Amino acid sequence: MSVTVMQAPASAPSVTATLAPIMGVVFVGFLIIGVAMPVLPLHVHDGLGFGPFVVGLVAGSQFAASLISRPWAGHFSDARGAKRGIIAGLLAAAAAGLLYLLSFGFSGSPLISVVILLAGRALLGGAESFIITAAVSWGLALSHSSNTGKVIAWVGSAMFAAFAIGAPAGSAVYAAYGFAAISLATTLAPLVALPLVALLPAVAPGKHARASFVEVIGAVWVPGLGSALGSVGFGAVTSFVALLFAARGWANGWAAYTAYAVAFILARVFFSHLADRIGGAKVALVCAAIEAVGQALIWLAIRPEMALVGAALTGFGFSLVYPGFGVEAVRRVPAESRGLAMGAYTAFLDLAQGLTSPALGLIAAGSRLNALFLVSSVTVLCASLVAWWLIANPSTLEGSPQ
């Protein structure tokens, strides 16, 4: 299917101006997820009196809902427009906050409370899927095809920034005012973002026939697999590096997260244009190798400084692996199906993140803790092989940006 885009390439300032409001909406949408991350286990365990299994069930329900709703979110954005997709996501997020509040009202009946909370988490997972899928689709529609990698990288940066700021903010709010305040913030924050969305220019959905989900999966599964393999290093650092520091008797395990986050942000600020300029697969090949080296350094670390360098290399590499493979995914589908393509592509990342931590945890349980970083390093290196295959087998979709 041929798609012709008659538009002059946007300059860097205009791309920034175009994406800034969309990034702001994504930031608000994911801030409400970030504020709940560190406090939800405390509320379910300490406030409602449930054990680790229920804590994991409540936390995982959002991930499951996000994964399941990705195709729906992509179809909706392509058929109804990305602007409507974000509005639907924000309204669903506000409704999830209302369910949080309702569950808090049943704190005296823990079983009823946790069931309502599960429903709220599932609704928030669907909201998150709609917001991020529609936001990337919207950014791609408003920007020239030569900025695909930049759009994916910058919109994703807003999401990670929301997580980074939301976690400490949520802990402070919970300590001062309890879970009711978290619930109220979850309800109100998306409504505050709605006026910003209303001011942004809508992009009409494509008039051409859109590909089916099966067709899109067939087009993007290879870059999706590469992204999934590359994300294993991210899961290893976020879930286990603090335990490694504690096991070795090293102080300031939090510094590994800081090193990871700083390198991640710097890579996106200074190098997000490379996937568009030299090709997403080439960037993914190099950056997956960098991430694998970082994981190997953590595995071999005999001093905390060595582990910190490894965490920084992991963050730098993974930062550009996702947009690198994302460029390849978008190039393999017609423009009118890019929302569905991003939904399907991101679903691979959802699935990988849901499996990584428990799988690596089983490895750590049967061997020394640092061994899981060796396994992660080898897994991430396989993402470079996927990128090499993509370089050898470039997209042949007529009209796709090259």
Protein backbone atom coordinates (compact mmCIF):
# COMPACT_ATOMS: atom_id res chain seq x y z
CA MET A 1 0.00 0.00 0.00
CA SER A 2 1.55 3.25 -1.08
CA VAL A 3 1.64 6.25 1.21
CA THR A 4 2.96 9.59 0.01
CA VAL A 5 3.74 12.35 2.48
CA MET A 6 4.20 15.77 0.95
CA GLN A 7 5.81 17.73 3.70
CA ALA A 8 9.13 19.47 4.18
CA PRO A 9 11.31 18.03 6.90
CA ALA A 10 10.71 19.78 10.20
CA SER A 11 13.59 21.57 11.86
CA ALA A 12 14.65 20.61 15.37
CA PRO A 13 12.94 23.61 17.06
CA SER A 14 9.64 22.94 15.28
CA VAL A 15 9.80 19.27 16.26
CA THR A 16 10.35 20.32 19.85
CA ALA A 17 7.43 22.76 19.73
CA THR A 18 5.20 20.12 18.16
CA LEU A 19 6.01 17.38 20.65
CA ALA A 20 6.16 19.46 23.85
CA PRO A 21 2.39 19.59 24.52
CA ILE A 22 2.01 15.89 23.71
CA MET A 23 4.90 15.07 26.03
CA GLY A 24 3.22 17.16 28.71
CA VAL A 25 0.04 15.11 28.43
CA VAL A 26 2.02 11.86 28.55
CA PHE A 27 3.89 13.14 31.60
CA VAL A 28 0.63 13.81 33.45
CA GLY A 29 -0.87 10.50 32.35
CA PHE A 30 2.07 8.50 33.62
CA LEU A 31 2.70 10.63 36.70
CA ILE A 32 -0.43 9.14 38.26
CA ILE A 33 1.01 5.68 37.59
CA GLY A 34 4.37 6.69 39.06
CA VAL A 35 2.93 8.07 42.30
CA ALA A 36 1.20 4.75 43.02
CA MET A 37 4.15 2.47 42.26
CA PRO A 38 5.98 2.70 45.61
CA VAL A 39 2.87 3.03 47.81
CA LEU A 40 0.41 0.54 46.37
CA PRO A 41 2.21 -2.49 47.89
CA LEU A 42 2.22 -0.72 51.27
CA HIS A 43 -1.50 0.02 51.06
CA VAL A 44 -2.42 -3.54 50.07
CA HIS A 45 -0.06 -5.18 52.59
CA ASP A 46 -0.14 -2.84 55.58
CA GLY A 47 -3.48 -1.09 55.04
CA LEU A 48 -5.61 -4.00 53.87
CA GLY A 49 -3.62 -6.84 55.45
CA PHE A 50 -2.97 -9.01 52.39
CA GLY A 51 0.16 -11.04 51.65
CA PRO A 52 2.72 -10.87 48.84
CA PHE A 53 0.60 -12.86 46.38
CA VAL A 54 -2.28 -10.37 46.47
CA VAL A 55 0.21 -7.49 46.37
CA GLY A 56 1.66 -8.95 43.17
CA LEU A 57 -1.81 -9.60 41.79
CA VAL A 58 -2.87 -5.98 42.28
CA ALA A 59 0.37 -4.65 40.78
CA GLY A 60 0.30 -7.09 37.87
CA SER A 61 -3.32 -6.43 36.92
CA GLN A 62 -2.30 -3.12 35.36
CA PHE A 63 0.42 -4.80 33.29
CA ALA A 64 -2.02 -7.46 32.08
CA ALA A 65 -4.63 -4.87 31.13
CA SER A 66 -2.02 -2.81 29.26
CA LEU A 67 -0.91 -5.83 27.27
CA ILE A 68 -4.45 -6.93 26.39
CA SER A 69 -5.61 -3.44 25.42
CA ARG A 70 -2.70 -2.57 23.09
CA PRO A 71 -4.44 -3.76 19.89
CA TRP A 72 -7.67 -1.98 20.85
CA ALA A 73 -5.77 1.23 21.60
CA GLY A 74 -3.98 1.06 18.25
CA HIS A 75 -7.17 0.38 16.31
CA PHE A 76 -8.96 3.23 18.09
CA SER A 77 -6.19 5.76 17.36
CA ASP A 78 -6.02 4.77 13.70
CA ALA A 79 -9.80 4.72 13.16
CA ARG A 80 -10.97 7.60 15.39
CA GLY A 81 -7.86 9.76 15.59
CA ALA A 82 -5.01 9.98 18.10
CA LYS A 83 -6.50 13.01 19.86
CA ARG A 84 -9.64 11.06 20.72
CA GLY A 85 -7.44 8.17 21.82
CA ILE A 86 -5.64 10.35 24.37
CA ILE A 87 -8.92 11.86 25.60
CA ALA A 88 -10.34 8.35 26.07
CA GLY A 89 -7.22 7.35 27.97
CA LEU A 90 -7.34 10.38 30.28
CA LEU A 91 -11.04 9.84 31.05
CA ALA A 92 -10.38 6.17 31.80
CA ALA A 93 -7.51 7.17 34.11
CA ALA A 94 -9.80 9.54 36.01
CA ALA A 95 -12.38 6.76 36.31
CA ALA A 96 -9.66 4.49 37.71
CA GLY A 97 -8.99 7.14 40.35
CA LEU A 98 -12.66 7.08 41.31
CA LEU A 99 -12.42 3.32 41.76
CA TYR A 100 -9.36 3.88 43.96
CA LEU A 101 -11.43 6.24 46.10
CA LEU A 102 -14.31 3.76 46.23
CA SER A 103 -11.99 0.97 47.31
CA PHE A 104 -10.59 3.18 50.06
CA GLY A 105 -14.16 3.67 51.30
CA PHE A 106 -14.39 -0.09 51.82
CA SER A 107 -11.16 -0.38 53.81
CA GLY A 108 -13.16 -1.96 56.62
CA SER A 109 -14.00 -4.84 54.25
CA PRO A 110 -10.59 -5.74 52.81
CA LEU A 111 -11.83 -8.32 50.30
CA ILE A 112 -14.34 -5.92 48.71
CA SER A 113 -11.77 -3.14 48.80
CA VAL A 114 -9.09 -5.15 46.99
CA VAL A 115 -11.55 -6.37 44.32
CA ILE A 116 -12.52 -2.75 43.55
CA LEU A 117 -8.83 -1.81 43.58
CA LEU A 118 -8.11 -4.58 41.08
CA ALA A 119 -10.78 -3.14 38.78
CA GLY A 120 -9.21 0.31 39.10
CA ARG A 121 -5.75 -1.02 38.32
CA ALA A 122 -7.05 -2.86 35.25
CA LEU A 123 -8.82 0.29 34.03
CA LEU A 124 -5.66 2.32 34.59
CA GLY A 125 -3.68 -0.22 32.56
CA GLY A 126 -6.05 0.27 29.64
CA ALA A 127 -5.82 4.04 30.07
CA GLU A 128 -2.03 3.91 29.98
CA SER A 129 -2.16 1.87 26.79
CA PHE A 130 -4.46 4.38 25.08
CA ILE A 131 -2.42 7.40 26.20
CA ILE A 132 1.03 6.23 25.11
CA THR A 133 -0.12 4.53 21.89
CA ALA A 134 -2.16 7.55 20.79
CA ALA A 135 0.57 10.01 21.84
CA VAL A 136 3.23 8.33 19.70
CA SER A 137 0.79 7.99 16.81
CA TRP A 138 -0.15 11.67 17.14
CA GLY A 139 3.48 12.78 17.24
CA LEU A 140 4.28 10.71 14.16
CA ALA A 141 1.33 12.24 12.30
CA LEU A 142 2.31 15.81 13.18
CA SER A 143 6.01 15.34 12.39
CA HIS A 144 7.83 14.49 9.19
CA SER A 145 8.71 10.85 8.66
CA SER A 146 12.40 11.76 9.00
CA ASN A 147 11.75 12.37 12.73
CA THR A 148 10.22 8.97 13.57
CA GLY A 149 12.98 7.94 15.98
CA LYS A 150 12.98 11.32 17.68
CA VAL A 151 9.23 11.19 18.25
CA ILE A 152 9.37 7.70 19.77
CA ALA A 153 12.37 8.62 21.94
CA TRP A 154 11.04 11.94 23.25
CA VAL A 155 7.50 10.76 23.98
CA GLY A 156 9.01 7.78 25.79
CA SER A 157 11.26 10.13 27.77
CA ALA A 158 8.19 11.93 29.13
CA MET A 159 6.91 8.59 30.38
CA PHE A 160 10.17 7.70 32.16
CA ALA A 161 10.44 11.20 33.62
CA ALA A 162 6.94 10.80 35.07
CA PHE A 163 7.96 7.54 36.71
CA ALA A 164 11.16 9.08 38.11
CA ILE A 165 9.35 12.08 39.62
CA GLY A 166 6.15 10.28 40.53
CA ALA A 167 7.75 7.63 42.75
CA PRO A 168 9.28 9.99 45.36
CA ALA A 169 6.30 12.34 45.12
CA GLY A 170 3.90 9.48 45.74
CA SER A 171 5.90 8.30 48.74
CA ALA A 172 5.80 11.78 50.26
CA VAL A 173 2.07 12.22 49.65
CA TYR A 174 1.28 8.76 51.05
CA ALA A 175 3.38 9.38 54.17
CA ALA A 176 1.61 12.69 54.82
CA TYR A 177 -1.98 12.03 53.74
CA GLY A 178 -2.43 8.33 53.06
CA PHE A 179 -3.86 6.40 50.12
CA ALA A 180 -6.93 8.63 49.87
CA ALA A 181 -4.69 11.46 48.62
CA ILE A 182 -3.13 9.14 46.00
CA SER A 183 -6.64 8.21 44.85
CA LEU A 184 -7.71 11.85 44.64
CA ALA A 185 -4.61 12.79 42.63
CA THR A 186 -5.25 9.88 40.25
CA THR A 187 -8.76 11.21 39.67
CA LEU A 188 -7.96 14.89 39.23
CA ALA A 189 -4.64 14.93 37.33
CA PRO A 190 -6.04 13.49 34.07
CA LEU A 191 -8.90 16.00 34.14
CA VAL A 192 -6.38 18.84 34.47
CA ALA A 193 -4.66 17.61 31.30
CA LEU A 194 -7.85 17.54 29.22
CA PRO A 195 -7.87 21.31 28.43
CA LEU A 196 -4.30 21.02 27.12
CA VAL A 197 -5.38 18.23 24.78
CA ALA A 198 -8.36 20.28 23.57
CA LEU A 199 -6.04 23.07 22.39
CA LEU A 200 -3.87 20.77 20.26
CA PRO A 201 -4.53 20.28 16.52
CA ALA A 202 -6.26 17.02 15.68
CA VAL A 203 -5.08 14.83 12.82
CA ALA A 204 -7.80 13.18 10.79
CA PRO A 205 -7.61 9.38 10.69
CA GLY A 206 -6.42 7.84 7.44
CA LYS A 207 -9.04 7.17 4.77
CA HIS A 208 -7.28 4.11 3.38
CA ALA A 209 -8.11 0.60 4.46
CA ARG A 210 -6.15 -0.27 7.59
CA ALA A 211 -4.22 -3.46 8.09
CA SER A 212 -5.55 -6.13 10.44
CA PHE A 213 -3.86 -6.84 13.76
CA VAL A 214 -2.54 -10.15 12.42
CA GLU A 215 -0.98 -8.36 9.44
CA VAL A 216 0.60 -5.74 11.68
CA ILE A 217 1.98 -8.37 14.07
CA GLY A 218 3.48 -10.13 11.08
CA ALA A 219 5.15 -6.89 10.01
CA VAL A 220 6.54 -5.77 13.39
CA TRP A 221 7.30 -8.97 15.27
CA VAL A 222 11.00 -8.99 14.39
CA PRO A 223 11.72 -5.45 15.70
CA GLY A 224 9.33 -6.23 18.58
CA LEU A 225 11.41 -9.28 19.46
CA GLY A 226 14.57 -7.17 19.35
CA SER A 227 13.05 -4.60 21.67
CA ALA A 228 11.88 -7.33 24.06
CA LEU A 229 15.34 -8.89 24.23
CA GLY A 230 16.94 -5.47 24.70
CA SER A 231 14.62 -4.63 27.59
CA VAL A 232 15.93 -7.48 29.75
CA GLY A 233 18.86 -5.36 30.94
CA PHE A 234 16.43 -2.66 32.04
CA GLY A 235 14.46 -5.21 34.08
CA ALA A 236 17.64 -6.63 35.62
CA VAL A 237 18.81 -3.23 36.85
CA THR A 238 15.47 -1.99 38.17
CA SER A 239 14.66 -5.25 39.98
CA PHE A 240 17.97 -6.61 41.22
CA VAL A 241 20.84 -4.14 41.28
CA ALA A 242 19.89 -2.83 44.74
CA LEU A 243 19.88 -6.43 46.04
CA LEU A 244 23.34 -6.96 44.56
CA PHE A 245 24.67 -3.87 46.36
CA ALA A 246 23.15 -5.08 49.62
CA ALA A 247 24.50 -8.61 49.19
CA ARG A 248 28.01 -7.28 48.56
CA GLY A 249 27.81 -4.89 51.50
CA TRP A 250 28.10 -1.86 49.23
CA ALA A 251 26.43 1.34 50.38
CA ASN A 252 24.22 3.66 48.34
CA GLY A 253 22.57 1.13 46.07
CA TRP A 254 20.28 3.93 44.91
CA ALA A 255 23.26 5.43 43.05
CA ALA A 256 22.97 2.65 40.44
CA TYR A 257 19.46 3.83 39.59
CA THR A 258 20.71 7.40 39.35
CA ALA A 259 23.59 6.39 37.06
CA TYR A 260 21.17 4.44 34.88
CA ALA A 261 18.64 7.30 34.69
CA VAL A 262 21.20 10.01 33.96
CA ALA A 263 22.81 8.00 31.14
CA PHE A 264 19.36 7.14 29.77
CA ILE A 265 18.30 10.79 29.61
CA LEU A 266 21.60 12.03 28.17
CA ALA A 267 21.46 9.44 25.39
CA ARG A 268 17.99 10.55 24.37
CA VAL A 269 18.80 14.26 24.57
CA PHE A 270 21.94 14.07 22.44
CA PHE A 271 21.47 11.03 20.21
CA SER A 272 17.72 10.54 19.61
CA HIS A 273 18.18 11.76 16.01
CA LEU A 274 20.57 8.96 15.03
CA ALA A 275 17.89 6.35 14.33
CA ASP A 276 16.35 8.68 11.74
CA ARG A 277 19.69 9.68 10.25
CA ILE A 278 21.54 6.38 9.93
CA GLY A 279 18.78 3.80 10.44
CA GLY A 280 17.04 2.33 13.47
CA ALA A 281 18.54 -1.14 13.11
CA LYS A 282 22.11 0.20 13.04
CA VAL A 283 21.52 2.22 16.21
CA ALA A 284 19.86 -0.76 17.90
CA LEU A 285 22.76 -3.05 16.97
CA VAL A 286 25.38 -0.79 18.55
CA CYS A 287 23.32 0.24 21.56
CA ALA A 288 22.24 -3.30 22.42
CA ALA A 289 25.94 -4.24 22.42
CA ILE A 290 26.67 -1.29 24.76
CA GLU A 291 23.85 -2.41 27.05
CA ALA A 292 25.19 -5.98 27.04
CA VAL A 293 28.65 -4.71 28.03
CA GLY A 294 27.03 -2.80 30.89
CA GLN A 295 25.31 -5.94 32.16
CA ALA A 296 28.57 -7.88 31.90
CA LEU A 297 30.35 -5.21 33.98
CA ILE A 298 27.76 -5.59 36.74
CA TRP A 299 28.25 -9.36 36.59
CA LEU A 300 32.04 -8.97 36.93
CA ALA A 301 31.94 -6.07 39.40
CA ILE A 302 34.28 -6.42 42.36
CA ARG A 303 33.80 -2.80 43.43
CA PRO A 304 30.67 -0.60 43.49
CA GLU A 305 32.20 1.84 40.99
CA MET A 306 32.38 -0.95 38.44
CA ALA A 307 28.69 -1.74 38.95
CA LEU A 308 27.80 1.96 38.62
CA VAL A 309 29.58 2.16 35.26
CA GLY A 310 27.72 -0.98 34.21
CA ALA A 311 24.38 0.55 35.22
CA ALA A 312 25.19 3.73 33.27
CA LEU A 313 26.12 1.76 30.13
CA THR A 314 22.91 -0.25 30.50
CA GLY A 315 20.85 2.94 30.68
CA PHE A 316 22.65 4.53 27.74
CA GLY A 317 22.24 1.47 25.56
CA PHE A 318 18.62 0.68 26.35
CA SER A 319 17.64 4.32 25.90
CA LEU A 320 18.19 4.04 22.14
CA VAL A 321 17.37 0.36 21.63
CA TYR A 322 13.63 0.97 21.97
CA PRO A 323 13.35 3.89 19.49
CA GLY A 324 15.83 2.19 17.16
CA PHE A 325 13.70 -0.91 16.79
CA GLY A 326 10.60 1.32 16.89
CA VAL A 327 11.70 3.10 13.71
CA GLU A 328 12.01 -0.29 12.02
CA ALA A 329 8.53 -1.30 13.22
CA VAL A 330 6.88 1.87 11.90
CA ARG A 331 8.63 1.55 8.54
CA ARG A 332 7.08 -1.86 8.01
CA VAL A 333 3.43 -0.74 8.05
CA PRO A 334 1.37 1.82 6.10
CA ALA A 335 1.01 5.24 7.72
CA GLU A 336 -2.69 4.74 8.42
CA SER A 337 -1.85 1.74 10.65
CA ARG A 338 0.97 3.27 12.67
CA GLY A 339 -1.15 3.47 15.85
CA LEU A 340 -1.82 -0.25 15.70
CA ALA A 341 1.84 -0.84 14.83
CA MET A 342 3.02 1.02 17.94
CA GLY A 343 0.46 -0.82 20.04
CA ALA A 344 1.63 -4.19 18.75
CA TYR A 345 5.31 -3.21 19.03
CA THR A 346 4.92 -1.99 22.62
CA ALA A 347 3.05 -5.18 23.54
CA PHE A 348 6.32 -7.09 23.03
CA LEU A 349 7.93 -4.79 25.60
CA ASP A 350 5.01 -5.29 28.01
CA LEU A 351 5.30 -9.05 27.73
CA ALA A 352 9.07 -9.00 28.20
CA GLN A 353 8.83 -6.81 31.30
CA GLY A 354 6.18 -9.08 32.78
CA LEU A 355 8.40 -12.17 32.33
CA THR A 356 11.87 -10.74 32.97
CA SER A 357 11.82 -10.15 36.71
CA PRO A 358 10.37 -13.54 37.76
CA ALA A 359 12.58 -15.40 35.27
CA LEU A 360 15.76 -13.66 36.45
CA GLY A 361 14.61 -14.13 40.04
CA LEU A 362 14.49 -17.90 39.52
CA ILE A 363 18.04 -17.79 38.12
CA ALA A 364 19.24 -15.80 41.13
CA ALA A 365 17.55 -18.23 43.51
CA GLY A 366 19.53 -21.14 42.09
CA SER A 367 22.92 -19.47 41.83
CA ARG A 368 24.88 -16.45 42.93
CA LEU A 369 22.96 -13.20 42.53
CA ASN A 370 25.37 -11.69 40.03
CA ALA A 371 24.85 -14.63 37.65
CA LEU A 372 21.53 -13.17 36.50
CA PHE A 373 23.41 -10.21 35.02
CA LEU A 374 25.46 -12.59 32.89
CA VAL A 375 22.26 -14.19 31.61
CA SER A 376 20.84 -10.73 30.97
CA SER A 377 23.98 -9.70 29.10
CA VAL A 378 23.76 -12.69 26.75
CA THR A 379 20.04 -12.10 26.22
CA VAL A 380 20.54 -8.43 25.38
CA LEU A 381 23.34 -9.34 22.99
CA CYS A 382 20.79 -11.41 21.06
CA ALA A 383 18.99 -8.11 20.35
CA SER A 384 22.07 -7.08 18.36
CA LEU A 385 21.65 -10.22 16.26
CA VAL A 386 18.05 -9.24 15.57
CA ALA A 387 19.23 -5.77 14.53
CA TRP A 388 21.84 -7.33 12.25
CA TRP A 389 19.10 -9.40 10.59
CA LEU A 390 17.02 -6.26 10.05
CA ILE A 391 19.99 -4.53 8.41
CA ALA A 392 20.43 -7.51 6.09
CA ASN A 393 16.68 -7.61 5.36
CA PRO A 394 15.50 -3.99 5.08
CA SER A 395 11.83 -3.06 4.84
CA THR A 396 10.37 -3.34 1.38
CA LEU A 397 7.08 -1.55 2.13
CA GLU A 398 6.40 0.80 -0.73
CA GLY A 399 6.31 4.37 0.42
CA SER A 400 7.84 3.75 3.79
CA PRO A 401 10.39 6.31 4.94
CA GLN A 402 13.98 5.36 4.36
